[in-house]
Amino acid sequence: MTPSAILETAIYVADLAAAEAFYAGLLRLEVIAKVEGRHVFFRVGPGVLLVFNPDATEVPSGNPDLPVPTHGARGEGHVCFAASREEIEGWRLRFFASDVAVEAEFDWPNGARSLYVRDPGGNSVEFAEPRLWD
């Protein structure tokens, strides 16, 4: 057996309201679950982006029906969204119009394009052509 896909990925931010404004407002991702002060989850195609407050995920759930282990990370993480070259240009324009600084934008040696910004928690958010990993 080998995993066939990533079902979910997690990043961590202290200010969930700012993260929600970025991911739901600016990126227009659908909020699918939310617990004030703990997390906000977003639909991304067939997968899910989990945005947690790291302080809250260090506390055991105490719920025997959902015995999710404590987990979390500190510091800046990274997430990459698949986008065509044309979509990357559209994202660059949207970020410019929203005063979100583009940290980097370039073509990889294989010709795939990437664009990087930072979310309100300092996480590196990349938009890249899927052929980056061909």
C-alpha atoms as a PDB file:
ATOM      1  CA  MET A   1       0.000   0.000   0.000  1.00  0.00           C
ATOM      2  CA  THR A   2       1.045   3.552  -0.775  1.00  0.00           C
ATOM      3  CA  PRO A   3      -0.939   6.708   0.022  1.00  0.00           C
ATOM      4  CA  SER A   4      -2.578   8.036  -3.139  1.00  0.00           C
ATOM      5  CA  ALA A   5      -3.209  11.646  -2.120  1.00  0.00           C
ATOM      6  CA  ILE A   6      -2.972  14.153   0.694  1.00  0.00           C
ATOM      7  CA  LEU A   7      -6.418  14.473   2.219  1.00  0.00           C
ATOM      8  CA  GLU A   8      -5.609  17.385   4.487  1.00  0.00           C
ATOM      9  CA  THR A   9      -2.745  19.642   5.387  1.00  0.00           C
ATOM     10  CA  ALA A  10      -2.393  21.876   8.427  1.00  0.00           C
ATOM     11  CA  ILE A  11      -0.864  25.232   9.156  1.00  0.00           C
ATOM     12  CA  TYR A  12      -0.869  27.155  12.410  1.00  0.00           C
ATOM     13  CA  VAL A  13      -1.735  30.785  13.160  1.00  0.00           C
ATOM     14  CA  ALA A  14      -2.446  32.683  16.359  1.00  0.00           C
ATOM     15  CA  ASP A  15      -5.018  35.030  14.784  1.00  0.00           C
ATOM     16  CA  LEU A  16      -7.740  32.826  13.299  1.00  0.00           C
ATOM     17  CA  ALA A  17      -9.918  35.789  12.303  1.00  0.00           C
ATOM     18  CA  ALA A  18      -7.098  37.242  10.196  1.00  0.00           C
ATOM     19  CA  ALA A  19      -6.444  33.817   8.685  1.00  0.00           C
ATOM     20  CA  GLU A  20     -10.132  33.431   7.837  1.00  0.00           C
ATOM     21  CA  ALA A  21     -10.159  36.867   6.199  1.00  0.00           C
ATOM     22  CA  PHE A  22      -7.163  35.815   4.090  1.00  0.00           C
ATOM     23  CA  TYR A  23      -8.237  32.295   3.103  1.00  0.00           C
ATOM     24  CA  ALA A  24     -12.012  32.813   2.857  1.00  0.00           C
ATOM     25  CA  GLY A  25     -12.032  36.485   1.911  1.00  0.00           C
ATOM     26  CA  LEU A  26      -9.033  36.946  -0.358  1.00  0.00           C
ATOM     27  CA  LEU A  27      -8.541  33.379  -1.628  1.00  0.00           C
ATOM     28  CA  ARG A  28     -12.308  32.669  -1.578  1.00  0.00           C
ATOM     29  CA  LEU A  29     -11.980  29.214  -0.027  1.00  0.00           C
ATOM     30  CA  GLU A  30     -15.142  27.764   1.490  1.00  0.00           C
ATOM     31  CA  VAL A  31     -15.186  27.517   5.293  1.00  0.00           C
ATOM     32  CA  ILE A  32     -16.361  23.989   6.143  1.00  0.00           C
ATOM     33  CA  ALA A  33     -15.772  23.898   9.921  1.00  0.00           C
ATOM     34  CA  LYS A  34     -14.941  26.406  12.595  1.00  0.00           C
ATOM     35  CA  VAL A  35     -14.445  26.422  16.363  1.00  0.00           C
ATOM     36  CA  GLU A  36     -13.755  29.887  17.757  1.00  0.00           C
ATOM     37  CA  GLY A  37     -10.257  30.140  19.178  1.00  0.00           C
ATOM     38  CA  ARG A  38      -9.273  26.647  17.999  1.00  0.00           C
ATOM     39  CA  HIS A  39      -9.530  26.200  14.239  1.00  0.00           C
ATOM     40  CA  VAL A  40     -11.046  27.078  10.888  1.00  0.00           C
ATOM     41  CA  PHE A  41     -11.074  24.524   8.059  1.00  0.00           C
ATOM     42  CA  PHE A  42     -11.353  25.269   4.338  1.00  0.00           C
ATOM     43  CA  ARG A  43     -12.329  23.180   1.316  1.00  0.00           C
ATOM     44  CA  VAL A  44      -9.626  23.078  -1.371  1.00  0.00           C
ATOM     45  CA  GLY A  45     -10.846  20.926  -4.261  1.00  0.00           C
ATOM     46  CA  PRO A  46     -11.105  17.366  -2.919  1.00  0.00           C
ATOM     47  CA  GLY A  47      -8.857  18.192   0.056  1.00  0.00           C
ATOM     48  CA  VAL A  48      -8.982  20.338   3.164  1.00  0.00           C
ATOM     49  CA  LEU A  49      -6.734  23.058   4.547  1.00  0.00           C
ATOM     50  CA  LEU A  50      -6.752  22.950   8.354  1.00  0.00           C
ATOM     51  CA  VAL A  51      -5.806  26.214  10.068  1.00  0.00           C
ATOM     52  CA  PHE A  52      -5.244  25.751  13.786  1.00  0.00           C
ATOM     53  CA  ASN A  53      -4.369  27.999  16.698  1.00  0.00           C
ATOM     54  CA  PRO A  54      -1.240  26.195  17.972  1.00  0.00           C
ATOM     55  CA  ASP A  55      -2.057  26.954  21.623  1.00  0.00           C
ATOM     56  CA  ALA A  56      -5.442  25.228  21.338  1.00  0.00           C
ATOM     57  CA  THR A  57      -4.147  22.068  19.637  1.00  0.00           C
ATOM     58  CA  GLU A  58      -1.701  21.443  22.481  1.00  0.00           C
ATOM     59  CA  VAL A  59      -4.639  20.889  24.852  1.00  0.00           C
ATOM     60  CA  PRO A  60      -6.044  17.330  24.924  1.00  0.00           C
ATOM     61  CA  SER A  61      -9.606  17.153  23.603  1.00  0.00           C
ATOM     62  CA  GLY A  62     -11.003  15.297  26.598  1.00  0.00           C
ATOM     63  CA  ASN A  63     -13.672  13.863  24.280  1.00  0.00           C
ATOM     64  CA  PRO A  64     -13.548  10.036  24.283  1.00  0.00           C
ATOM     65  CA  ASP A  65     -15.689   9.959  21.116  1.00  0.00           C
ATOM     66  CA  LEU A  66     -13.056  11.994  19.219  1.00  0.00           C
ATOM     67  CA  PRO A  67      -9.716  11.065  20.787  1.00  0.00           C
ATOM     68  CA  VAL A  68      -7.591  13.188  18.412  1.00  0.00           C
ATOM     69  CA  PRO A  69      -4.054  13.368  19.786  1.00  0.00           C
ATOM     70  CA  THR A  70      -2.570  16.742  20.621  1.00  0.00           C
ATOM     71  CA  HIS A  71      -0.545  18.141  17.767  1.00  0.00           C
ATOM     72  CA  GLY A  72       0.760  21.360  16.392  1.00  0.00           C
ATOM     73  CA  ALA A  73       3.702  23.337  15.230  1.00  0.00           C
ATOM     74  CA  ARG A  74       5.322  26.649  16.011  1.00  0.00           C
ATOM     75  CA  GLY A  75       6.768  28.997  13.463  1.00  0.00           C
ATOM     76  CA  GLU A  76       6.096  29.560   9.814  1.00  0.00           C
ATOM     77  CA  GLY A  77       4.812  26.691   7.677  1.00  0.00           C
ATOM     78  CA  HIS A  78       4.169  26.290   3.976  1.00  0.00           C
ATOM     79  CA  VAL A  79       1.243  25.381   1.747  1.00  0.00           C
ATOM     80  CA  CYS A  80       1.162  25.311  -2.052  1.00  0.00           C
ATOM     81  CA  PHE A  81      -1.968  25.625  -4.190  1.00  0.00           C
ATOM     82  CA  ALA A  82      -2.065  24.315  -7.758  1.00  0.00           C
ATOM     83  CA  ALA A  83      -2.599  27.039 -10.346  1.00  0.00           C
ATOM     84  CA  SER A  84      -2.097  27.491 -14.071  1.00  0.00           C
ATOM     85  CA  ARG A  85       0.320  30.150 -15.331  1.00  0.00           C
ATOM     86  CA  GLU A  86      -2.685  32.331 -16.208  1.00  0.00           C
ATOM     87  CA  GLU A  87      -4.180  31.852 -12.749  1.00  0.00           C
ATOM     88  CA  ILE A  88      -0.851  32.761 -11.144  1.00  0.00           C
ATOM     89  CA  GLU A  89      -0.956  36.048 -13.044  1.00  0.00           C
ATOM     90  CA  GLY A  90      -4.507  36.578 -11.766  1.00  0.00           C
ATOM     91  CA  TRP A  91      -3.389  35.873  -8.202  1.00  0.00           C
ATOM     92  CA  ARG A  92      -0.512  38.349  -8.573  1.00  0.00           C
ATOM     93  CA  LEU A  93      -2.972  41.038  -9.671  1.00  0.00           C
ATOM     94  CA  ARG A  94      -5.406  40.194  -6.846  1.00  0.00           C
ATOM     95  CA  PHE A  95      -2.615  40.365  -4.261  1.00  0.00           C
ATOM     96  CA  PHE A  96      -1.402  43.690  -5.664  1.00  0.00           C
ATOM     97  CA  ALA A  97      -4.940  45.113  -5.499  1.00  0.00           C
ATOM     98  CA  SER A  98      -5.231  43.904  -1.890  1.00  0.00           C
ATOM     99  CA  ASP A  99      -1.833  45.238  -0.775  1.00  0.00           C
ATOM    100  CA  VAL A 100      -0.504  41.734  -0.151  1.00  0.00           C
ATOM    101  CA  ALA A 101       3.206  41.697  -0.998  1.00  0.00           C
ATOM    102  CA  VAL A 102       4.417  39.075  -3.444  1.00  0.00           C
ATOM    103  CA  GLU A 103       7.500  37.647  -1.786  1.00  0.00           C
ATOM    104  CA  ALA A 104       8.812  35.846  -4.881  1.00  0.00           C
ATOM    105  CA  GLU A 105       7.697  34.902  -8.388  1.00  0.00           C
ATOM    106  CA  PHE A 106       9.857  32.893 -10.784  1.00  0.00           C
ATOM    107  CA  ASP A 107      10.148  29.948 -13.161  1.00  0.00           C
ATOM    108  CA  TRP A 108      11.751  26.748 -11.875  1.00  0.00           C
ATOM    109  CA  PRO A 109      14.433  24.973 -13.972  1.00  0.00           C
ATOM    110  CA  ASN A 110      11.721  22.732 -15.481  1.00  0.00           C
ATOM    111  CA  GLY A 111       9.756  25.826 -16.583  1.00  0.00           C
ATOM    112  CA  ALA A 112       6.994  25.666 -13.945  1.00  0.00           C
ATOM    113  CA  ARG A 113       5.981  29.016 -12.458  1.00  0.00           C
ATOM    114  CA  SER A 114       5.598  29.756  -8.722  1.00  0.00           C
ATOM    115  CA  LEU A 115       4.377  32.785  -6.804  1.00  0.00           C
ATOM    116  CA  TYR A 116       4.804  33.201  -3.033  1.00  0.00           C
ATOM    117  CA  VAL A 117       3.033  35.414  -0.479  1.00  0.00           C
ATOM    118  CA  ARG A 118       2.711  35.297   3.312  1.00  0.00           C
ATOM    119  CA  ASP A 119      -0.561  34.745   5.149  1.00  0.00           C
ATOM    120  CA  PRO A 120      -1.346  36.809   8.281  1.00  0.00           C
ATOM    121  CA  GLY A 121       0.356  34.165  10.450  1.00  0.00           C
ATOM    122  CA  GLY A 122       3.590  34.364   8.455  1.00  0.00           C
ATOM    123  CA  ASN A 123       3.090  31.056   6.650  1.00  0.00           C
ATOM    124  CA  SER A 124       4.541  30.810   3.152  1.00  0.00           C
ATOM    125  CA  VAL A 125       1.664  30.449   0.660  1.00  0.00           C
ATOM    126  CA  GLU A 126       2.687  29.324  -2.804  1.00  0.00           C
ATOM    127  CA  PHE A 127       0.743  29.105  -6.049  1.00  0.00           C
ATOM    128  CA  ALA A 128       2.484  26.824  -8.559  1.00  0.00           C
ATOM    129  CA  GLU A 129       1.887  25.057 -11.815  1.00  0.00           C
ATOM    130  CA  PRO A 130       1.310  21.350 -11.059  1.00  0.00           C
ATOM    131  CA  ARG A 131       4.002  20.384 -13.557  1.00  0.00           C
ATOM    132  CA  LEU A 132       6.486  21.627 -10.948  1.00  0.00           C
ATOM    133  CA  TRP A 133       6.597  18.018  -9.698  1.00  0.00           C
ATOM    134  CA  ASP A 134       6.540  16.229 -13.073  1.00  0.00           C
END
